[in-house]
Amino acid sequence: MLAKILFAEDDVNIGMITKQFLEDLDYEVYLYKNGNEVVSAFHRLKPDLCLLDVMLPYKDGFTIGREIRQDDPKVPIIFITAKSQLKDVLEGFESGANDYIKKPFSLEELKARVLSLLRFRIDGLLDEDEPNEFEIGSFHFKYDQQLLIQNGSERLLSPREADLLKELCLNIQNTMDKAKTLRKIWGDDTFYNGRSMDVYITKIRKYLKADSSIEILNLRGVGYKLLIKG
């Protein structure tokens, strides 16, 4: 069964070239140019991944992302945009993004990012030799369900949040190598992807702050370390 990608892009050339490239990779791609059409198409198609340009007519990509997130907290969303300032990237993640790719982009880079997110969506990224449930202080983390649980309260993580927290847990009390983790989860270890990881680490710290025994250290230029004190 082919993975379905909902693609929103109003630039005709970019839209058709990208659509053809993804179809050549055996994805089923549905292209829309009008922001008003995208959310209704999402409900109808139930895609495995959403690829959204930010600057769309009638309704922008960030608004679409927030509307999609209200309906489906798990579907991977990648924003494509020429807006690459940090405040724009942060707004993208706050609008539900799993990833953010800036124009102009290479099709090979897009391929790596799509493949990385679809690995979790379709295959679950489950390695039979690795544990998929973890105790983190007072938290219980169920990777395969993307759930972070504390005292009966559940938080549903995004696929990338779950991937990153799992890597931290697999290296608990030890250093999680940043470059290696970027290549595993993001597909490559570019500076831009590194900034993306930093944003996700900040979000995970926020989720875990209810337990003061948990700390995530930033080892500059090396990686991160998840520590449980006491």
Foldseek 3Di string as FASTA:
>chain_A
DAAEEEEEDQPVVVQVVLCVLVVVVVHHYDYDQAPVVRLVVCVVPVGQAYEAEQDGPPHGPLRSLQVVCVVPVERAYEYEEQPDPPVVVVSSVVSRHPYYHYPPDDSVLVVQQVVLSSCCSPVVPDDPVDDQWDDQPQWIARLSQQWIDHPRDIDRHYNNLSLVVSLQRVQAVHFRFQQVSCCNRSVGRDPSSSVVVVVSVVVVCVVPVVDVQWDWDQPPPGGIHIYGHD
